Amino acid sequence: MSDNIEDSINSYSVEQLKQLIQTAEDAIEQKKAGEIEALRDQMFKMADQYDMTPEEVINYSGRRKRSPGKPKYRNPDNPEQTWTGRGKRPGWLRQADDIEVFRIPE
């Protein structure tokens, strides 16, 4: 703050300072509301450019949803353990020389 403002504030009474704080808080809320409204309008315009609703823009991930893949490999020691071939190879399959031995017939 500049020295003039500080000097002026120092001359205020406690009641005047409380009123100043309230006035400043009200001004902040009004300014914030105006900026949010402008942002909202801008968001609606941009969403409209892409033929989307604002909700679609907010929830848009940019990635296509991937379906949980069909299992391609099965652990012979525990048939409940399967692997789709996507992602990191499971422990029961890591040491295998030929993973095709574990392939589930189609």
PDB file of N, CA and C in Angstrom:
ATOM      1  N   MET A   1       0.847  -1.184   0.000  1.00  0.00           N
ATOM      2  CA  MET A   1       0.000   0.000   0.000  1.00  0.00           C
ATOM      3  C   MET A   1       0.884   1.235   0.000  1.00  0.00           C
ATOM      4  N   SER A   2       0.375   2.288  -0.566  1.00  0.00           N
ATOM      5  CA  SER A   2       1.148   3.530  -0.564  1.00  0.00           C
ATOM      6  C   SER A   2       1.087   4.169   0.814  1.00  0.00           C
ATOM      7  N   ASP A   3       2.043   5.052   1.073  1.00  0.00           N
ATOM      8  CA  ASP A   3       2.104   5.727   2.378  1.00  0.00           C
ATOM      9  C   ASP A   3       0.860   6.559   2.633  1.00  0.00           C
ATOM     10  N   ASN A   4       0.286   7.181   1.586  1.00  0.00           N
ATOM     11  CA  ASN A   4      -0.901   8.022   1.769  1.00  0.00           C
ATOM     12  C   ASN A   4      -2.088   7.208   2.278  1.00  0.00           C
ATOM     13  N   ILE A   5      -2.281   6.019   1.731  1.00  0.00           N
ATOM     14  CA  ILE A   5      -3.395   5.174   2.160  1.00  0.00           C
ATOM     15  C   ILE A   5      -3.173   4.715   3.593  1.00  0.00           C
ATOM     16  N   GLU A   6      -1.931   4.312   3.909  1.00  0.00           N
ATOM     17  CA  GLU A   6      -1.633   3.865   5.268  1.00  0.00           C
ATOM     18  C   GLU A   6      -1.833   4.997   6.269  1.00  0.00           C
ATOM     19  N   ASP A   7      -1.388   6.189   5.906  1.00  0.00           N
ATOM     20  CA  ASP A   7      -1.572   7.339   6.801  1.00  0.00           C
ATOM     21  C   ASP A   7      -3.053   7.606   7.012  1.00  0.00           C
ATOM     22  N   SER A   8      -3.829   7.525   5.931  1.00  0.00           N
ATOM     23  CA  SER A   8      -5.260   7.769   6.026  1.00  0.00           C
ATOM     24  C   SER A   8      -5.932   6.721   6.912  1.00  0.00           C
ATOM     25  N   ILE A   9      -5.578   5.453   6.708  1.00  0.00           N
ATOM     26  CA  ILE A   9      -6.172   4.371   7.498  1.00  0.00           C
ATOM     27  C   ILE A   9      -5.817   4.512   8.967  1.00  0.00           C
ATOM     28  N   ASN A  10      -4.600   4.896   9.238  1.00  0.00           N
ATOM     29  CA  ASN A  10      -4.171   5.049  10.633  1.00  0.00           C
ATOM     30  C   ASN A  10      -4.952   6.130  11.366  1.00  0.00           C
ATOM     31  N   SER A  11      -5.535   7.044  10.609  1.00  0.00           N
ATOM     32  CA  SER A  11      -6.303   8.115  11.256  1.00  0.00           C
ATOM     33  C   SER A  11      -7.761   7.710  11.515  1.00  0.00           C
ATOM     34  N   TYR A  12      -8.187   6.562  11.008  1.00  0.00           N
ATOM     35  CA  TYR A  12      -9.570   6.110  11.181  1.00  0.00           C
ATOM     36  C   TYR A  12      -9.791   5.553  12.581  1.00  0.00           C
ATOM     37  N   SER A  13     -11.032   5.650  13.020  1.00  0.00           N
ATOM     38  CA  SER A  13     -11.415   5.031  14.289  1.00  0.00           C
ATOM     39  C   SER A  13     -11.672   3.543  14.034  1.00  0.00           C
ATOM     40  N   VAL A  14     -11.800   2.775  15.101  1.00  0.00           N
ATOM     41  CA  VAL A  14     -12.076   1.344  14.968  1.00  0.00           C
ATOM     42  C   VAL A  14     -13.380   1.136  14.202  1.00  0.00           C
ATOM     43  N   GLU A  15     -14.393   1.923  14.525  1.00  0.00           N
ATOM     44  CA  GLU A  15     -15.689   1.794  13.840  1.00  0.00           C
ATOM     45  C   GLU A  15     -15.561   2.119  12.354  1.00  0.00           C
ATOM     46  N   GLN A  16     -14.782   3.129  12.011  1.00  0.00           N
ATOM     47  CA  GLN A  16     -14.580   3.483  10.605  1.00  0.00           C
ATOM     48  C   GLN A  16     -13.816   2.370   9.875  1.00  0.00           C
ATOM     49  N   LEU A  17     -12.842   1.768  10.557  1.00  0.00           N
ATOM     50  CA  LEU A  17     -12.088   0.670   9.944  1.00  0.00           C
ATOM     51  C   LEU A  17     -12.991  -0.538   9.676  1.00  0.00           C
ATOM     52  N   LYS A  18     -13.884  -0.840  10.628  1.00  0.00           N
ATOM     53  CA  LYS A  18     -14.828  -1.940  10.427  1.00  0.00           C
ATOM     54  C   LYS A  18     -15.722  -1.672   9.225  1.00  0.00           C
ATOM     55  N   GLN A  19     -16.182  -0.422   9.096  1.00  0.00           N
ATOM     56  CA  GLN A  19     -17.028  -0.050   7.962  1.00  0.00           C
ATOM     57  C   GLN A  19     -16.239  -0.154   6.657  1.00  0.00           C
ATOM     58  N   LEU A  20     -14.972   0.256   6.688  1.00  0.00           N
ATOM     59  CA  LEU A  20     -14.115   0.174   5.509  1.00  0.00           C
ATOM     60  C   LEU A  20     -13.930  -1.292   5.084  1.00  0.00           C
ATOM     61  N   ILE A  21     -13.701  -2.154   6.068  1.00  0.00           N
ATOM     62  CA  ILE A  21     -13.551  -3.583   5.773  1.00  0.00           C
ATOM     63  C   ILE A  21     -14.820  -4.129   5.130  1.00  0.00           C
ATOM     64  N   GLN A  22     -15.976  -3.786   5.685  1.00  0.00           N
ATOM     65  CA  GLN A  22     -17.248  -4.261   5.140  1.00  0.00           C
ATOM     66  C   GLN A  22     -17.454  -3.752   3.717  1.00  0.00           C
ATOM     67  N   THR A  23     -17.123  -2.485   3.492  1.00  0.00           N
ATOM     68  CA  THR A  23     -17.254  -1.896   2.154  1.00  0.00           C
ATOM     69  C   THR A  23     -16.332  -2.611   1.170  1.00  0.00           C
ATOM     70  N   ALA A  24     -15.096  -2.900   1.605  1.00  0.00           N
ATOM     71  CA  ALA A  24     -14.139  -3.587   0.737  1.00  0.00           C
ATOM     72  C   ALA A  24     -14.617  -5.007   0.429  1.00  0.00           C
ATOM     73  N   GLU A  25     -15.129  -5.716   1.439  1.00  0.00           N
ATOM     74  CA  GLU A  25     -15.631  -7.073   1.216  1.00  0.00           C
ATOM     75  C   GLU A  25     -16.816  -7.085   0.259  1.00  0.00           C
ATOM     76  N   ASP A  26     -17.692  -6.101   0.382  1.00  0.00           N
ATOM     77  CA  ASP A  26     -18.829  -5.993  -0.542  1.00  0.00           C
ATOM     78  C   ASP A  26     -18.345  -5.732  -1.964  1.00  0.00           C
ATOM     79  N   ALA A  27     -17.343  -4.857  -2.099  1.00  0.00           N
ATOM     80  CA  ALA A  27     -16.796  -4.536  -3.420  1.00  0.00           C
ATOM     81  C   ALA A  27     -16.145  -5.769  -4.044  1.00  0.00           C
ATOM     82  N   ILE A  28     -15.446  -6.543  -3.220  1.00  0.00           N
ATOM     83  CA  ILE A  28     -14.811  -7.768  -3.715  1.00  0.00           C
ATOM     84  C   ILE A  28     -15.871  -8.737  -4.227  1.00  0.00           C
ATOM     85  N   GLU A  29     -16.945  -8.925  -3.476  1.00  0.00           N
ATOM     86  CA  GLU A  29     -18.013  -9.838  -3.890  1.00  0.00           C
ATOM     87  C   GLU A  29     -18.661  -9.389  -5.196  1.00  0.00           C
ATOM     88  N   GLN A  30     -18.905  -8.083  -5.331  1.00  0.00           N
ATOM     89  CA  GLN A  30     -19.519  -7.571  -6.563  1.00  0.00           C
ATOM     90  C   GLN A  30     -18.583  -7.771  -7.747  1.00  0.00           C
ATOM     91  N   LYS A  31     -17.309  -7.490  -7.557  1.00  0.00           N
ATOM     92  CA  LYS A  31     -16.338  -7.629  -8.633  1.00  0.00           C
ATOM     93  C   LYS A  31     -16.207  -9.103  -9.032  1.00  0.00           C
ATOM     94  N   LYS A  32     -16.146  -9.963  -8.030  1.00  0.00           N
ATOM     95  CA  LYS A  32     -16.039 -11.395  -8.273  1.00  0.00           C
ATOM     96  C   LYS A  32     -17.265 -11.909  -9.035  1.00  0.00           C
ATOM     97  N   ALA A  33     -18.450 -11.474  -8.635  1.00  0.00           N
ATOM     98  CA  ALA A  33     -19.686 -11.896  -9.308  1.00  0.00           C
ATOM     99  C   ALA A  33     -19.675 -11.465 -10.768  1.00  0.00           C
ATOM    100  N   GLY A  34     -19.208 -10.252 -11.037  1.00  0.00           N
ATOM    101  CA  GLY A  34     -19.128  -9.768 -12.414  1.00  0.00           C
ATOM    102  C   GLY A  34     -18.158 -10.576 -13.250  1.00  0.00           C
ATOM    103  N   GLU A  35     -17.007 -10.908 -12.672  1.00  0.00           N
ATOM    104  CA  GLU A  35     -16.013 -11.693 -13.393  1.00  0.00           C
ATOM    105  C   GLU A  35     -16.506 -13.119 -13.644  1.00  0.00           C
ATOM    106  N   ILE A  36     -17.196 -13.693 -12.681  1.00  0.00           N
ATOM    107  CA  ILE A  36     -17.741 -15.044 -12.854  1.00  0.00           C
ATOM    108  C   ILE A  36     -18.813 -15.044 -13.938  1.00  0.00           C
ATOM    109  N   GLU A  37     -19.637 -14.026 -13.956  1.00  0.00           N
ATOM    110  CA  GLU A  37     -20.680 -13.915 -14.984  1.00  0.00           C
ATOM    111  C   GLU A  37     -20.052 -13.809 -16.372  1.00  0.00           C
ATOM    112  N   ALA A  38     -18.978 -13.016 -16.494  1.00  0.00           N
ATOM    113  CA  ALA A  38     -18.291 -12.881 -17.780  1.00  0.00           C
ATOM    114  C   ALA A  38     -17.667 -14.214 -18.195  1.00  0.00           C
ATOM    115  N   LEU A  39     -17.090 -14.914 -17.246  1.00  0.00           N
ATOM    116  CA  LEU A  39     -16.502 -16.218 -17.521  1.00  0.00           C
ATOM    117  C   LEU A  39     -17.578 -17.209 -17.953  1.00  0.00           C
ATOM    118  N   ARG A  40     -18.701 -17.164 -17.293  1.00  0.00           N
ATOM    119  CA  ARG A  40     -19.831 -18.041 -17.622  1.00  0.00           C
ATOM    120  C   ARG A  40     -20.309 -17.781 -19.053  1.00  0.00           C
ATOM    121  N   ASP A  41     -20.462 -16.502 -19.405  1.00  0.00           N
ATOM    122  CA  ASP A  41     -20.883 -16.152 -20.763  1.00  0.00           C
ATOM    123  C   ASP A  41     -19.877 -16.654 -21.795  1.00  0.00           C
ATOM    124  N   GLN A  42     -18.598 -16.482 -21.484  1.00  0.00           N
ATOM    125  CA  GLN A  42     -17.545 -16.931 -22.391  1.00  0.00           C
ATOM    126  C   GLN A  42     -17.590 -18.452 -22.553  1.00  0.00           C
ATOM    127  N   MET A  43     -17.825 -19.159 -21.464  1.00  0.00           N
ATOM    128  CA  MET A  43     -17.892 -20.615 -21.517  1.00  0.00           C
ATOM    129  C   MET A  43     -19.072 -21.072 -22.383  1.00  0.00           C
ATOM    130  N   PHE A  44     -20.223 -20.413 -22.231  1.00  0.00           N
ATOM    131  CA  PHE A  44     -21.384 -20.774 -23.050  1.00  0.00           C
ATOM    132  C   PHE A  44     -21.095 -20.545 -24.531  1.00  0.00           C
ATOM    133  N   LYS A  45     -20.445 -19.430 -24.864  1.00  0.00           N
ATOM    134  CA  LYS A  45     -20.127 -19.136 -26.264  1.00  0.00           C
ATOM    135  C   LYS A  45     -19.167 -20.172 -26.833  1.00  0.00           C
ATOM    136  N   MET A  46     -18.142 -20.515 -26.058  1.00  0.00           N
ATOM    137  CA  MET A  46     -17.168 -21.487 -26.544  1.00  0.00           C
ATOM    138  C   MET A  46     -17.789 -22.876 -26.677  1.00  0.00           C
ATOM    139  N   ALA A  47     -18.622 -23.261 -25.735  1.00  0.00           N
ATOM    140  CA  ALA A  47     -19.292 -24.562 -25.814  1.00  0.00           C
ATOM    141  C   ALA A  47     -20.171 -24.606 -27.059  1.00  0.00           C
ATOM    142  N   ASP A  48     -20.855 -23.514 -27.339  1.00  0.00           N
ATOM    143  CA  ASP A  48     -21.737 -23.434 -28.499  1.00  0.00           C
ATOM    144  C   ASP A  48     -20.951 -23.596 -29.798  1.00  0.00           C
ATOM    145  N   GLN A  49     -19.710 -23.100 -29.840  1.00  0.00           N
ATOM    146  CA  GLN A  49     -18.873 -23.232 -31.036  1.00  0.00           C
ATOM    147  C   GLN A  49     -18.612 -24.700 -31.374  1.00  0.00           C
ATOM    148  N   TYR A  50     -18.608 -25.549 -30.364  1.00  0.00           N
ATOM    149  CA  TYR A  50     -18.357 -26.973 -30.569  1.00  0.00           C
ATOM    150  C   TYR A  50     -19.633 -27.805 -30.478  1.00  0.00           C
ATOM    151  N   ASP A  51     -20.776 -27.122 -30.523  1.00  0.00           N
ATOM    152  CA  ASP A  51     -22.081 -27.788 -30.407  1.00  0.00           C
ATOM    153  C   ASP A  51     -22.143 -28.679 -29.166  1.00  0.00           C
ATOM    154  N   MET A  52     -21.677 -28.125 -28.053  1.00  0.00           N
ATOM    155  CA  MET A  52     -21.675 -28.846 -26.785  1.00  0.00           C
ATOM    156  C   MET A  52     -22.371 -28.002 -25.729  1.00  0.00           C
ATOM    157  N   THR A  53     -22.837 -28.665 -24.685  1.00  0.00           N
ATOM    158  CA  THR A  53     -23.361 -27.930 -23.539  1.00  0.00           C
ATOM    159  C   THR A  53     -22.188 -27.657 -22.601  1.00  0.00           C
ATOM    160  N   PRO A  54     -22.320 -26.666 -21.728  1.00  0.00           N
ATOM    161  CA  PRO A  54     -21.237 -26.422 -20.762  1.00  0.00           C
ATOM    162  C   PRO A  54     -20.936 -27.658 -19.909  1.00  0.00           C
ATOM    163  N   GLU A  55     -21.957 -28.438 -19.578  1.00  0.00           N
ATOM    164  CA  GLU A  55     -21.747 -29.651 -18.794  1.00  0.00           C
ATOM    165  C   GLU A  55     -20.887 -30.654 -19.563  1.00  0.00           C
ATOM    166  N   GLU A  56     -21.132 -30.765 -20.879  1.00  0.00           N
ATOM    167  CA  GLU A  56     -20.331 -31.672 -21.694  1.00  0.00           C
ATOM    168  C   GLU A  56     -18.878 -31.213 -21.748  1.00  0.00           C
ATOM    169  N   VAL A  57     -18.671 -29.900 -21.810  1.00  0.00           N
ATOM    170  CA  VAL A  57     -17.312 -29.360 -21.822  1.00  0.00           C
ATOM    171  C   VAL A  57     -16.614 -29.686 -20.508  1.00  0.00           C
ATOM    172  N   ILE A  58     -17.302 -29.464 -19.402  1.00  0.00           N
ATOM    173  CA  ILE A  58     -16.717 -29.708 -18.083  1.00  0.00           C
ATOM    174  C   ILE A  58     -16.375 -31.179 -17.904  1.00  0.00           C
ATOM    175  N   ASN A  59     -17.232 -32.062 -18.371  1.00  0.00           N
ATOM    176  CA  ASN A  59     -17.030 -33.499 -18.178  1.00  0.00           C
ATOM    177  C   ASN A  59     -16.228 -34.165 -19.286  1.00  0.00           C
ATOM    178  N   TYR A  60     -15.831 -33.409 -20.309  1.00  0.00           N
ATOM    179  CA  TYR A  60     -15.113 -33.978 -21.443  1.00  0.00           C
ATOM    180  C   TYR A  60     -13.716 -34.415 -21.021  1.00  0.00           C
ATOM    181  N   SER A  61     -13.367 -35.648 -21.298  1.00  0.00           N
ATOM    182  CA  SER A  61     -12.049 -36.146 -20.909  1.00  0.00           C
ATOM    183  C   SER A  61     -11.075 -36.147 -22.081  1.00  0.00           C
ATOM    184  N   GLY A  62     -11.579 -36.072 -23.293  1.00  0.00           N
ATOM    185  CA  GLY A  62     -10.699 -36.059 -24.453  1.00  0.00           C
ATOM    186  C   GLY A  62     -10.230 -37.447 -24.866  1.00  0.00           C
ATOM    187  N   ARG A  63     -10.537 -38.421 -24.051  1.00  0.00           N
ATOM    188  CA  ARG A  63     -10.144 -39.786 -24.360  1.00  0.00           C
ATOM    189  C   ARG A  63     -11.378 -40.645 -24.542  1.00  0.00           C
ATOM    190  N   ARG A  64     -11.259 -41.537 -25.428  1.00  0.00           N
ATOM    191  CA  ARG A  64     -12.322 -42.494 -25.669  1.00  0.00           C
ATOM    192  C   ARG A  64     -12.301 -43.493 -24.525  1.00  0.00           C
ATOM    193  N   LYS A  65     -13.473 -43.849 -24.066  1.00  0.00           N
ATOM    194  CA  LYS A  65     -13.581 -44.820 -22.982  1.00  0.00           C
ATOM    195  C   LYS A  65     -13.210 -46.199 -23.514  1.00  0.00           C
ATOM    196  N   ARG A  66     -12.392 -46.875 -22.786  1.00  0.00           N
ATOM    197  CA  ARG A  66     -11.948 -48.197 -23.195  1.00  0.00           C
ATOM    198  C   ARG A  66     -12.766 -49.261 -22.481  1.00  0.00           C
ATOM    199  N   SER A  67     -13.241 -50.208 -23.242  1.00  0.00           N
ATOM    200  CA  SER A  67     -14.016 -51.286 -22.625  1.00  0.00           C
ATOM    201  C   SER A  67     -13.053 -52.238 -21.921  1.00  0.00           C
ATOM    202  N   PRO A  68     -13.513 -52.880 -20.859  1.00  0.00           N
ATOM    203  CA  PRO A  68     -12.629 -53.852 -20.203  1.00  0.00           C
ATOM    204  C   PRO A  68     -12.410 -55.012 -21.163  1.00  0.00           C
ATOM    205  N   GLY A  69     -11.209 -55.272 -21.539  1.00  0.00           N
ATOM    206  CA  GLY A  69     -10.937 -56.266 -22.573  1.00  0.00           C
ATOM    207  C   GLY A  69     -11.341 -57.681 -22.220  1.00  0.00           C
ATOM    208  N   LYS A  70     -11.497 -58.467 -23.245  1.00  0.00           N
ATOM    209  CA  LYS A  70     -11.838 -59.880 -23.088  1.00  0.00           C
ATOM    210  C   LYS A  70     -10.548 -60.623 -22.702  1.00  0.00           C
ATOM    211  N   PRO A  71     -10.599 -61.499 -21.710  1.00  0.00           N
ATOM    212  CA  PRO A  71      -9.388 -62.230 -21.307  1.00  0.00           C
ATOM    213  C   PRO A  71      -8.823 -63.059 -22.459  1.00  0.00           C
ATOM    214  N   LYS A  72      -7.498 -63.004 -22.638  1.00  0.00           N
ATOM    215  CA  LYS A  72      -6.841 -63.769 -23.696  1.00  0.00           C
ATOM    216  C   LYS A  72      -5.941 -64.863 -23.131  1.00  0.00           C
ATOM    217  N   TYR A  73      -5.519 -64.678 -21.864  1.00  0.00           N
ATOM    218  CA  TYR A  73      -4.604 -65.635 -21.247  1.00  0.00           C
ATOM    219  C   TYR A  73      -5.150 -66.053 -19.885  1.00  0.00           C
ATOM    220  N   ARG A  74      -4.908 -67.337 -19.514  1.00  0.00           N
ATOM    221  CA  ARG A  74      -5.405 -67.859 -18.238  1.00  0.00           C
ATOM    222  C   ARG A  74      -4.267 -68.586 -17.516  1.00  0.00           C
ATOM    223  N   ASN A  75      -4.230 -68.408 -16.197  1.00  0.00           N
ATOM    224  CA  ASN A  75      -3.258 -69.094 -15.357  1.00  0.00           C
ATOM    225  C   ASN A  75      -3.743 -70.535 -15.150  1.00  0.00           C
ATOM    226  N   PRO A  76      -2.981 -71.542 -15.586  1.00  0.00           N
ATOM    227  CA  PRO A  76      -3.439 -72.932 -15.431  1.00  0.00           C
ATOM    228  C   PRO A  76      -3.493 -73.371 -13.964  1.00  0.00           C
ATOM    229  N   ASP A  77      -2.686 -72.744 -13.108  1.00  0.00           N
ATOM    230  CA  ASP A  77      -2.690 -73.097 -11.685  1.00  0.00           C
ATOM    231  C   ASP A  77      -3.867 -72.475 -10.945  1.00  0.00           C
ATOM    232  N   ASN A  78      -4.370 -71.369 -11.472  1.00  0.00           N
ATOM    233  CA  ASN A  78      -5.525 -70.695 -10.866  1.00  0.00           C
ATOM    234  C   ASN A  78      -6.370 -70.123 -12.005  1.00  0.00           C
ATOM    235  N   PRO A  79      -7.345 -70.866 -12.498  1.00  0.00           N
ATOM    236  CA  PRO A  79      -8.139 -70.453 -13.663  1.00  0.00           C
ATOM    237  C   PRO A  79      -8.877 -69.121 -13.494  1.00  0.00           C
ATOM    238  N   GLU A  80      -9.004 -68.648 -12.256  1.00  0.00           N
ATOM    239  CA  GLU A  80      -9.673 -67.354 -12.052  1.00  0.00           C
ATOM    240  C   GLU A  80      -8.773 -66.185 -12.442  1.00  0.00           C
ATOM    241  N   GLN A  81      -7.464 -66.435 -12.527  1.00  0.00           N
ATOM    242  CA  GLN A  81      -6.528 -65.383 -12.909  1.00  0.00           C
ATOM    243  C   GLN A  81      -6.396 -65.352 -14.424  1.00  0.00           C
ATOM    244  N   THR A  82      -6.801 -64.204 -14.994  1.00  0.00           N
ATOM    245  CA  THR A  82      -6.712 -64.037 -16.444  1.00  0.00           C
ATOM    246  C   THR A  82      -6.026 -62.714 -16.749  1.00  0.00           C
ATOM    247  N   TRP A  83      -5.655 -62.558 -18.011  1.00  0.00           N
ATOM    248  CA  TRP A  83      -5.024 -61.320 -18.465  1.00  0.00           C
ATOM    249  C   TRP A  83      -5.521 -61.021 -19.870  1.00  0.00           C
ATOM    250  N   THR A  84      -5.837 -59.761 -20.125  1.00  0.00           N
ATOM    251  CA  THR A  84      -6.373 -59.358 -21.427  1.00  0.00           C
ATOM    252  C   THR A  84      -5.283 -59.114 -22.463  1.00  0.00           C
ATOM    253  N   GLY A  85      -4.051 -59.001 -22.015  1.00  0.00           N
ATOM    254  CA  GLY A  85      -2.972 -58.658 -22.937  1.00  0.00           C
ATOM    255  C   GLY A  85      -2.681 -57.170 -22.907  1.00  0.00           C
ATOM    256  N   ARG A  86      -3.470 -56.423 -22.136  1.00  0.00           N
ATOM    257  CA  ARG A  86      -3.272 -54.977 -21.985  1.00  0.00           C
ATOM    258  C   ARG A  86      -2.563 -54.699 -20.663  1.00  0.00           C
ATOM    259  N   GLY A  87      -1.734 -53.714 -20.669  1.00  0.00           N
ATOM    260  CA  GLY A  87      -1.085 -53.313 -19.424  1.00  0.00           C
ATOM    261  C   GLY A  87       0.063 -54.224 -19.043  1.00  0.00           C
ATOM    262  N   LYS A  88       0.493 -54.076 -17.800  1.00  0.00           N
ATOM    263  CA  LYS A  88       1.630 -54.831 -17.281  1.00  0.00           C
ATOM    264  C   LYS A  88       1.296 -56.323 -17.196  1.00  0.00           C
ATOM    265  N   ARG A  89       2.246 -57.138 -17.579  1.00  0.00           N
ATOM    266  CA  ARG A  89       2.073 -58.589 -17.550  1.00  0.00           C
ATOM    267  C   ARG A  89       1.993 -59.068 -16.095  1.00  0.00           C
ATOM    268  N   PRO A  90       1.005 -59.909 -15.762  1.00  0.00           N
ATOM    269  CA  PRO A  90       0.881 -60.381 -14.376  1.00  0.00           C
ATOM    270  C   PRO A  90       2.048 -61.291 -13.977  1.00  0.00           C
ATOM    271  N   GLY A  91       2.269 -61.389 -12.670  1.00  0.00           N
ATOM    272  CA  GLY A  91       3.382 -62.173 -12.149  1.00  0.00           C
ATOM    273  C   GLY A  91       3.407 -63.609 -12.630  1.00  0.00           C
ATOM    274  N   TRP A  92       2.252 -64.258 -12.684  1.00  0.00           N
ATOM    275  CA  TRP A  92       2.198 -65.658 -13.090  1.00  0.00           C
ATOM    276  C   TRP A  92       2.586 -65.856 -14.548  1.00  0.00           C
ATOM    277  N   LEU A  93       2.655 -64.776 -15.317  1.00  0.00           N
ATOM    278  CA  LEU A  93       2.958 -64.865 -16.743  1.00  0.00           C
ATOM    279  C   LEU A  93       4.324 -64.262 -17.080  1.00  0.00           C
ATOM    280  N   ARG A  94       4.928 -63.549 -16.128  1.00  0.00           N
ATOM    281  CA  ARG A  94       6.183 -62.844 -16.405  1.00  0.00           C
ATOM    282  C   ARG A  94       7.337 -63.767 -16.784  1.00  0.00           C
ATOM    283  N   GLN A  95       7.463 -64.893 -16.136  1.00  0.00           N
ATOM    284  CA  GLN A  95       8.608 -65.784 -16.365  1.00  0.00           C
ATOM    285  C   GLN A  95       8.410 -66.726 -17.559  1.00  0.00           C
ATOM    286  N   ALA A  96       7.252 -66.673 -18.164  1.00  0.00           N
ATOM    287  CA  ALA A  96       6.954 -67.596 -19.277  1.00  0.00           C
ATOM    288  C   ALA A  96       7.811 -67.280 -20.495  1.00  0.00           C
ATOM    289  N   ASP A  97       8.388 -68.335 -21.078  1.00  0.00           N
ATOM    290  CA  ASP A  97       9.160 -68.167 -22.312  1.00  0.00           C
ATOM    291  C   ASP A  97       8.227 -67.956 -23.502  1.00  0.00           C
ATOM    292  N   ASP A  98       7.114 -68.672 -23.490  1.00  0.00           N
ATOM    293  CA  ASP A  98       6.139 -68.576 -24.581  1.00  0.00           C
ATOM    294  C   ASP A  98       4.750 -68.382 -23.974  1.00  0.00           C
ATOM    295  N   ILE A  99       4.246 -67.152 -24.022  1.00  0.00           N
ATOM    296  CA  ILE A  99       2.950 -66.878 -23.388  1.00  0.00           C
ATOM    297  C   ILE A  99       1.791 -67.499 -24.157  1.00  0.00           C
ATOM    298  N   GLU A 100       2.032 -67.921 -25.374  1.00  0.00           N
ATOM    299  CA  GLU A 100       0.961 -68.525 -26.178  1.00  0.00           C
ATOM    300  C   GLU A 100       0.460 -69.826 -25.559  1.00  0.00           C
ATOM    301  N   VAL A 101       1.275 -70.435 -24.719  1.00  0.00           N
ATOM    302  CA  VAL A 101       0.866 -71.653 -24.017  1.00  0.00           C
ATOM    303  C   VAL A 101      -0.319 -71.347 -23.103  1.00  0.00           C
ATOM    304  N   PHE A 102      -0.406 -70.110 -22.633  1.00  0.00           N
ATOM    305  CA  PHE A 102      -1.447 -69.698 -21.694  1.00  0.00           C
ATOM    306  C   PHE A 102      -2.678 -69.100 -22.389  1.00  0.00           C
ATOM    307  N   ARG A 103      -2.621 -69.013 -23.715  1.00  0.00           N
ATOM    308  CA  ARG A 103      -3.721 -68.384 -24.456  1.00  0.00           C
ATOM    309  C   ARG A 103      -5.012 -69.180 -24.294  1.00  0.00           C
ATOM    310  N   ILE A 104      -6.111 -68.455 -24.113  1.00  0.00           N
ATOM    311  CA  ILE A 104      -7.437 -69.067 -24.000  1.00  0.00           C
ATOM    312  C   ILE A 104      -7.936 -69.339 -25.413  1.00  0.00           C
ATOM    313  N   PRO A 105      -8.308 -70.584 -25.719  1.00  0.00           N
ATOM    314  CA  PRO A 105      -8.812 -70.871 -27.073  1.00  0.00           C
ATOM    315  C   PRO A 105     -10.119 -70.111 -27.325  1.00  0.00           C
ATOM    316  N   GLU A 106     -10.258 -69.637 -28.541  1.00  0.00           N
ATOM    317  CA  GLU A 106     -11.465 -68.853 -28.868  1.00  0.00           C
ATOM    318  C   GLU A 106     -12.597 -69.707 -29.331  1.00  0.00           C
TER     319      GLU A 106
END
